[in-house]
N, C-alpha and C. Protein backbone atom coordinates (compact mmCIF):
# COMPACT_ATOMS: atom_id res chain seq x y z
N MET A 1 91.24 77.20 70.28
CA MET A 1 90.63 78.50 70.38
C MET A 1 89.85 78.64 71.70
N LYS A 2 89.11 77.58 72.06
CA LYS A 2 88.35 77.63 73.30
C LYS A 2 89.27 77.73 74.50
N LYS A 3 90.41 77.06 74.45
CA LYS A 3 91.35 77.08 75.57
C LYS A 3 91.93 78.49 75.75
N LYS A 4 92.26 79.16 74.67
CA LYS A 4 92.77 80.53 74.76
C LYS A 4 91.70 81.46 75.33
N MET A 5 90.47 81.30 74.85
CA MET A 5 89.37 82.15 75.34
C MET A 5 89.12 81.92 76.83
N LEU A 6 89.16 80.67 77.27
CA LEU A 6 88.98 80.36 78.69
C LEU A 6 90.11 80.97 79.52
N THR A 7 91.33 80.91 79.03
CA THR A 7 92.47 81.48 79.73
C THR A 7 92.32 82.98 79.84
N VAL A 8 91.90 83.65 78.79
CA VAL A 8 91.69 85.10 78.81
C VAL A 8 90.62 85.47 79.82
N VAL A 9 89.53 84.75 79.85
CA VAL A 9 88.44 85.03 80.80
C VAL A 9 88.90 84.84 82.23
N ILE A 10 89.65 83.79 82.48
CA ILE A 10 90.16 83.54 83.85
C ILE A 10 91.13 84.63 84.26
N VAL A 11 92.00 85.08 83.38
CA VAL A 11 92.94 86.15 83.68
C VAL A 11 92.18 87.44 83.98
N ILE A 12 91.17 87.77 83.20
CA ILE A 12 90.38 88.98 83.43
C ILE A 12 89.68 88.92 84.78
N ILE A 13 89.08 87.79 85.10
CA ILE A 13 88.41 87.63 86.40
C ILE A 13 89.42 87.76 87.55
N ALA A 14 90.60 87.15 87.39
CA ALA A 14 91.62 87.24 88.42
C ALA A 14 92.07 88.68 88.63
N VAL A 15 92.26 89.43 87.55
CA VAL A 15 92.66 90.83 87.67
C VAL A 15 91.58 91.63 88.39
N ILE A 16 90.33 91.42 88.04
CA ILE A 16 89.22 92.14 88.70
C ILE A 16 89.19 91.81 90.20
N VAL A 17 89.34 90.56 90.55
CA VAL A 17 89.33 90.15 91.95
C VAL A 17 90.51 90.80 92.69
N LEU A 18 91.68 90.79 92.08
CA LEU A 18 92.84 91.42 92.72
C LEU A 18 92.66 92.92 92.91
N VAL A 19 92.04 93.59 91.95
CA VAL A 19 91.78 95.02 92.08
C VAL A 19 90.83 95.28 93.26
N PHE A 20 89.76 94.51 93.38
CA PHE A 20 88.82 94.70 94.48
C PHE A 20 89.45 94.36 95.83
N VAL A 21 90.25 93.32 95.89
CA VAL A 21 90.93 92.98 97.14
C VAL A 21 91.92 94.08 97.52
N GLY A 22 92.67 94.58 96.56
CA GLY A 22 93.59 95.66 96.84
C GLY A 22 92.88 96.93 97.30
N TRP A 23 91.77 97.23 96.66
CA TRP A 23 90.97 98.40 97.05
C TRP A 23 90.49 98.24 98.47
N TYR A 24 89.97 97.07 98.80
CA TYR A 24 89.46 96.81 100.14
C TYR A 24 90.57 96.94 101.19
N VAL A 25 91.72 96.36 100.92
CA VAL A 25 92.84 96.40 101.86
C VAL A 25 93.30 97.85 102.04
N MET A 26 93.44 98.60 100.97
CA MET A 26 93.87 100.01 101.08
C MET A 26 92.89 100.83 101.89
N PHE A 27 91.59 100.63 101.67
CA PHE A 27 90.60 101.44 102.36
C PHE A 27 90.46 101.00 103.83
N VAL A 28 90.29 99.73 104.08
CA VAL A 28 90.02 99.26 105.43
C VAL A 28 91.25 99.31 106.33
N HIS A 29 92.38 98.85 105.83
CA HIS A 29 93.55 98.75 106.67
C HIS A 29 94.44 99.99 106.67
N PHE A 30 94.43 100.73 105.58
CA PHE A 30 95.31 101.89 105.49
C PHE A 30 94.54 103.21 105.42
N GLY A 31 93.22 103.14 105.30
CA GLY A 31 92.40 104.36 105.28
C GLY A 31 92.62 105.24 104.07
N ARG A 32 92.99 104.64 102.94
CA ARG A 32 93.25 105.41 101.73
C ARG A 32 92.19 105.09 100.68
N GLY A 33 91.83 106.10 99.92
CA GLY A 33 90.94 105.88 98.79
C GLY A 33 89.47 105.88 99.18
N PRO A 34 88.59 105.85 98.18
CA PRO A 34 87.16 105.88 98.44
C PRO A 34 86.66 104.52 98.94
N ALA A 35 85.57 104.53 99.67
CA ALA A 35 84.98 103.31 100.20
C ALA A 35 84.16 102.61 99.12
N PHE A 36 83.98 101.32 99.31
CA PHE A 36 83.07 100.59 98.43
C PHE A 36 81.68 101.17 98.64
N PRO A 37 80.87 101.29 97.62
CA PRO A 37 79.51 101.84 97.78
C PRO A 37 78.64 101.00 98.71
N PHE A 38 78.95 99.72 98.85
CA PHE A 38 78.10 98.86 99.66
C PHE A 38 78.61 98.61 101.07
N LEU A 39 79.77 99.21 101.45
CA LEU A 39 80.28 99.06 102.80
C LEU A 39 79.45 99.88 103.76
N LYS A 40 79.21 99.35 104.95
CA LYS A 40 78.46 100.06 105.98
C LYS A 40 79.29 101.23 106.49
N VAL A 41 78.70 102.41 106.52
CA VAL A 41 79.38 103.60 107.01
C VAL A 41 79.02 103.78 108.48
N GLN A 42 80.06 103.97 109.31
CA GLN A 42 79.79 104.17 110.72
C GLN A 42 79.59 105.65 111.00
N LYS A 43 78.52 105.95 111.67
CA LYS A 43 78.20 107.34 112.00
C LYS A 43 78.09 107.48 113.52
N MET A 44 78.33 108.69 113.96
CA MET A 44 78.23 108.97 115.38
C MET A 44 76.78 108.91 115.81
N ASN A 45 76.50 108.30 116.94
CA ASN A 45 75.16 108.19 117.46
C ASN A 45 74.81 109.52 118.14
N ILE A 46 73.95 110.31 117.49
CA ILE A 46 73.62 111.64 117.99
C ILE A 46 72.85 111.60 119.31
N GLU A 47 72.02 110.57 119.51
CA GLU A 47 71.23 110.47 120.72
C GLU A 47 72.10 110.32 121.97
N SER A 48 73.30 109.79 121.81
CA SER A 48 74.15 109.56 122.98
C SER A 48 75.23 110.64 123.10
N MET A 49 75.00 111.80 122.52
CA MET A 49 76.00 112.88 122.57
C MET A 49 76.32 113.28 124.00
N ASP A 50 75.36 113.16 124.92
CA ASP A 50 75.63 113.56 126.28
C ASP A 50 76.64 112.61 126.94
N ARG A 51 76.77 111.39 126.41
CA ARG A 51 77.71 110.43 126.96
C ARG A 51 79.10 110.57 126.33
N VAL A 52 79.20 111.33 125.24
CA VAL A 52 80.49 111.48 124.55
C VAL A 52 81.36 112.40 125.38
N MET A 53 82.60 112.01 125.55
CA MET A 53 83.52 112.80 126.35
C MET A 53 84.39 113.66 125.43
N ILE A 54 84.73 114.81 125.90
CA ILE A 54 85.64 115.69 125.18
C ILE A 54 87.01 115.54 125.82
N ALA A 55 88.02 115.40 125.00
CA ALA A 55 89.39 115.21 125.50
C ALA A 55 89.85 116.42 126.30
N ASP A 56 90.89 116.20 127.12
CA ASP A 56 91.45 117.31 127.92
C ASP A 56 91.91 118.47 127.03
N ASN A 57 92.57 118.13 125.93
CA ASN A 57 92.94 119.13 124.94
C ASN A 57 91.73 119.24 124.00
N SER A 58 90.80 120.08 124.40
CA SER A 58 89.43 120.02 123.88
C SER A 58 89.24 120.47 122.43
N LEU A 59 90.17 121.17 121.85
CA LEU A 59 90.02 121.63 120.48
C LEU A 59 91.22 121.24 119.64
N MET A 60 91.00 121.13 118.35
CA MET A 60 92.10 120.80 117.44
C MET A 60 91.86 121.47 116.09
N SER A 61 92.95 121.62 115.35
CA SER A 61 92.85 122.19 114.01
C SER A 61 94.04 121.73 113.18
N GLU A 62 93.90 121.88 111.89
CA GLU A 62 95.02 121.63 111.00
C GLU A 62 95.81 122.92 110.86
N ALA A 63 97.11 122.83 110.87
CA ALA A 63 97.96 124.00 110.68
C ALA A 63 99.24 123.56 109.96
N GLU A 64 99.69 124.38 109.04
CA GLU A 64 100.87 124.01 108.25
C GLU A 64 102.15 124.07 109.09
N THR A 65 102.22 125.05 109.99
CA THR A 65 103.42 125.21 110.83
C THR A 65 102.99 125.47 112.26
N GLU A 66 103.94 125.35 113.17
CA GLU A 66 103.66 125.64 114.57
C GLU A 66 103.36 127.12 114.76
N GLU A 67 104.00 127.96 113.96
CA GLU A 67 103.74 129.40 114.04
C GLU A 67 102.28 129.70 113.67
N LYS A 68 101.79 129.04 112.62
CA LYS A 68 100.39 129.22 112.21
C LYS A 68 99.46 128.74 113.34
N ALA A 69 99.82 127.63 113.98
CA ALA A 69 99.01 127.12 115.10
C ALA A 69 98.96 128.13 116.24
N ARG A 70 100.08 128.81 116.49
CA ARG A 70 100.11 129.83 117.55
C ARG A 70 99.22 131.04 117.18
N GLU A 71 99.25 131.40 115.89
CA GLU A 71 98.39 132.48 115.43
C GLU A 71 96.90 132.14 115.63
N ILE A 72 96.54 130.91 115.35
CA ILE A 72 95.15 130.48 115.54
C ILE A 72 94.79 130.56 117.01
N ALA A 73 95.70 130.13 117.89
CA ALA A 73 95.45 130.22 119.33
C ALA A 73 95.24 131.66 119.79
N GLU A 74 96.06 132.58 119.25
CA GLU A 74 95.90 133.98 119.60
C GLU A 74 94.57 134.55 119.12
N GLN A 75 94.16 134.17 117.89
CA GLN A 75 92.88 134.65 117.37
C GLN A 75 91.73 134.25 118.30
N TYR A 76 91.72 133.02 118.71
CA TYR A 76 90.62 132.51 119.53
C TYR A 76 90.77 132.81 121.02
N GLY A 77 91.96 133.18 121.45
CA GLY A 77 92.21 133.41 122.87
C GLY A 77 92.25 132.10 123.65
N ILE A 78 92.85 131.09 123.04
CA ILE A 78 92.97 129.78 123.68
C ILE A 78 94.44 129.39 123.76
N GLU A 79 94.74 128.32 124.48
CA GLU A 79 96.13 127.91 124.70
C GLU A 79 96.52 126.78 123.76
N LEU A 80 97.63 126.97 123.04
CA LEU A 80 98.19 125.91 122.22
C LEU A 80 98.90 124.91 123.13
N VAL A 81 98.46 123.65 123.08
CA VAL A 81 99.04 122.61 123.92
C VAL A 81 100.15 121.88 123.20
N SER A 82 99.88 121.47 121.94
CA SER A 82 100.90 120.76 121.19
C SER A 82 100.65 120.91 119.70
N PHE A 83 101.74 120.68 118.94
CA PHE A 83 101.65 120.69 117.49
C PHE A 83 102.51 119.55 116.97
N GLU A 84 101.88 118.67 116.16
CA GLU A 84 102.63 117.56 115.60
C GLU A 84 101.96 117.09 114.32
N ASN A 85 102.76 116.88 113.29
CA ASN A 85 102.30 116.37 112.01
C ASN A 85 101.12 117.17 111.42
N GLY A 86 101.17 118.48 111.57
CA GLY A 86 100.15 119.34 110.99
C GLY A 86 98.87 119.43 111.78
N ILE A 87 98.82 118.85 112.98
CA ILE A 87 97.65 118.91 113.84
C ILE A 87 98.01 119.64 115.11
N ALA A 88 97.23 120.68 115.43
CA ALA A 88 97.45 121.46 116.65
C ALA A 88 96.35 121.13 117.65
N LEU A 89 96.73 120.93 118.90
CA LEU A 89 95.78 120.69 119.96
C LEU A 89 95.76 121.91 120.87
N TYR A 90 94.54 122.29 121.26
CA TYR A 90 94.35 123.50 122.08
C TYR A 90 93.55 123.16 123.31
N HIS A 91 93.70 124.01 124.33
CA HIS A 91 92.92 123.89 125.57
C HIS A 91 92.21 125.21 125.84
N THR A 92 90.99 125.10 126.29
CA THR A 92 90.22 126.27 126.68
C THR A 92 89.40 125.95 127.90
N GLU A 93 89.18 126.95 128.72
CA GLU A 93 88.30 126.80 129.89
C GLU A 93 86.84 127.07 129.51
N GLU A 94 86.64 127.72 128.36
CA GLU A 94 85.30 128.01 127.88
C GLU A 94 84.66 126.76 127.29
N ASP A 95 83.38 126.85 126.96
CA ASP A 95 82.68 125.77 126.27
C ASP A 95 83.28 125.70 124.86
N PRO A 96 83.83 124.55 124.46
CA PRO A 96 84.46 124.43 123.14
C PRO A 96 83.52 124.78 121.98
N PHE A 97 82.24 124.48 122.12
CA PHE A 97 81.29 124.78 121.05
C PHE A 97 81.08 126.30 120.90
N GLU A 98 81.14 127.02 122.00
CA GLU A 98 81.03 128.48 121.94
C GLU A 98 82.27 129.08 121.27
N VAL A 99 83.42 128.51 121.57
CA VAL A 99 84.68 129.00 120.96
C VAL A 99 84.61 128.79 119.45
N ILE A 100 84.15 127.62 119.03
CA ILE A 100 84.04 127.33 117.60
C ILE A 100 83.03 128.27 116.93
N ALA A 101 81.89 128.51 117.58
CA ALA A 101 80.88 129.41 117.02
C ALA A 101 81.41 130.82 116.89
N ARG A 102 82.19 131.28 117.87
CA ARG A 102 82.79 132.61 117.81
C ARG A 102 83.75 132.70 116.63
N GLY A 103 84.51 131.66 116.41
CA GLY A 103 85.45 131.66 115.28
C GLY A 103 84.73 131.66 113.94
N GLN A 104 83.64 130.95 113.83
CA GLN A 104 82.87 130.93 112.60
C GLN A 104 82.27 132.31 112.31
N GLU A 105 81.78 132.96 113.34
CA GLU A 105 81.21 134.30 113.19
C GLU A 105 82.26 135.29 112.72
N ASN A 106 83.49 135.14 113.20
CA ASN A 106 84.56 136.08 112.87
C ASN A 106 85.42 135.65 111.68
N GLY A 107 85.12 134.49 111.09
CA GLY A 107 85.87 134.03 109.92
C GLY A 107 87.26 133.52 110.23
N TYR A 108 87.47 133.03 111.45
CA TYR A 108 88.79 132.49 111.82
C TYR A 108 89.00 131.12 111.20
N ALA A 109 90.21 130.61 111.34
CA ALA A 109 90.52 129.24 110.87
C ALA A 109 89.61 128.25 111.61
N GLN A 110 89.30 127.16 110.94
CA GLN A 110 88.34 126.21 111.49
C GLN A 110 88.95 125.38 112.61
N LEU A 111 88.20 125.25 113.71
CA LEU A 111 88.56 124.38 114.83
C LEU A 111 87.54 123.24 114.89
N SER A 112 87.95 122.15 115.52
CA SER A 112 87.06 121.03 115.73
C SER A 112 87.17 120.60 117.20
N VAL A 113 86.09 120.03 117.71
CA VAL A 113 86.11 119.49 119.07
C VAL A 113 86.85 118.17 119.04
N ASN A 114 87.71 117.97 120.00
CA ASN A 114 88.50 116.74 120.09
C ASN A 114 87.75 115.75 120.99
N PHE A 115 86.90 114.90 120.38
CA PHE A 115 86.11 113.93 121.11
C PHE A 115 86.93 112.69 121.44
N ILE A 116 86.58 112.04 122.53
CA ILE A 116 87.08 110.71 122.84
C ILE A 116 85.97 109.76 122.43
N ARG A 117 86.25 108.95 121.43
CA ARG A 117 85.22 108.04 120.91
C ARG A 117 85.59 106.61 121.21
N THR A 118 84.57 105.82 121.46
CA THR A 118 84.74 104.39 121.64
C THR A 118 83.92 103.68 120.60
N GLU A 119 84.05 102.38 120.54
CA GLU A 119 83.31 101.61 119.55
C GLU A 119 81.81 101.69 119.80
N ASP A 120 81.42 101.93 121.06
CA ASP A 120 79.99 102.01 121.39
C ASP A 120 79.33 103.27 120.83
N ASP A 121 80.14 104.27 120.44
CA ASP A 121 79.60 105.56 119.98
C ASP A 121 79.18 105.52 118.52
N THR A 122 79.44 104.46 117.80
CA THR A 122 79.11 104.39 116.38
C THR A 122 77.99 103.40 116.13
N ASP A 123 77.25 103.63 115.05
CA ASP A 123 76.17 102.69 114.68
C ASP A 123 76.75 101.61 113.82
């Protein structure tokens, strides 16, 4: 009886360990699923924002089709540079933050600034 109980406990512990290892691998290596509550979250260092560079294609957005991406470009008055895998990249000569603010005021589709980030930019 003790041998069966010990075997059951070892199997349960092994299953729990395998679940946690699988969860860790999926999150860290494949970017899928929720993070462990105790993992350190990397955040952008706000104090060094002046050192952060904006990519040449300064704005980006999600779009279902290339036609939708072109419509977003027309709304904002910016140039569509590329569309691939549901992500559209745009270029503007204006300040990207002003373009985003104008879109929020008018209720346009959401745009994001396309930052170039390095490992030094995170805490």
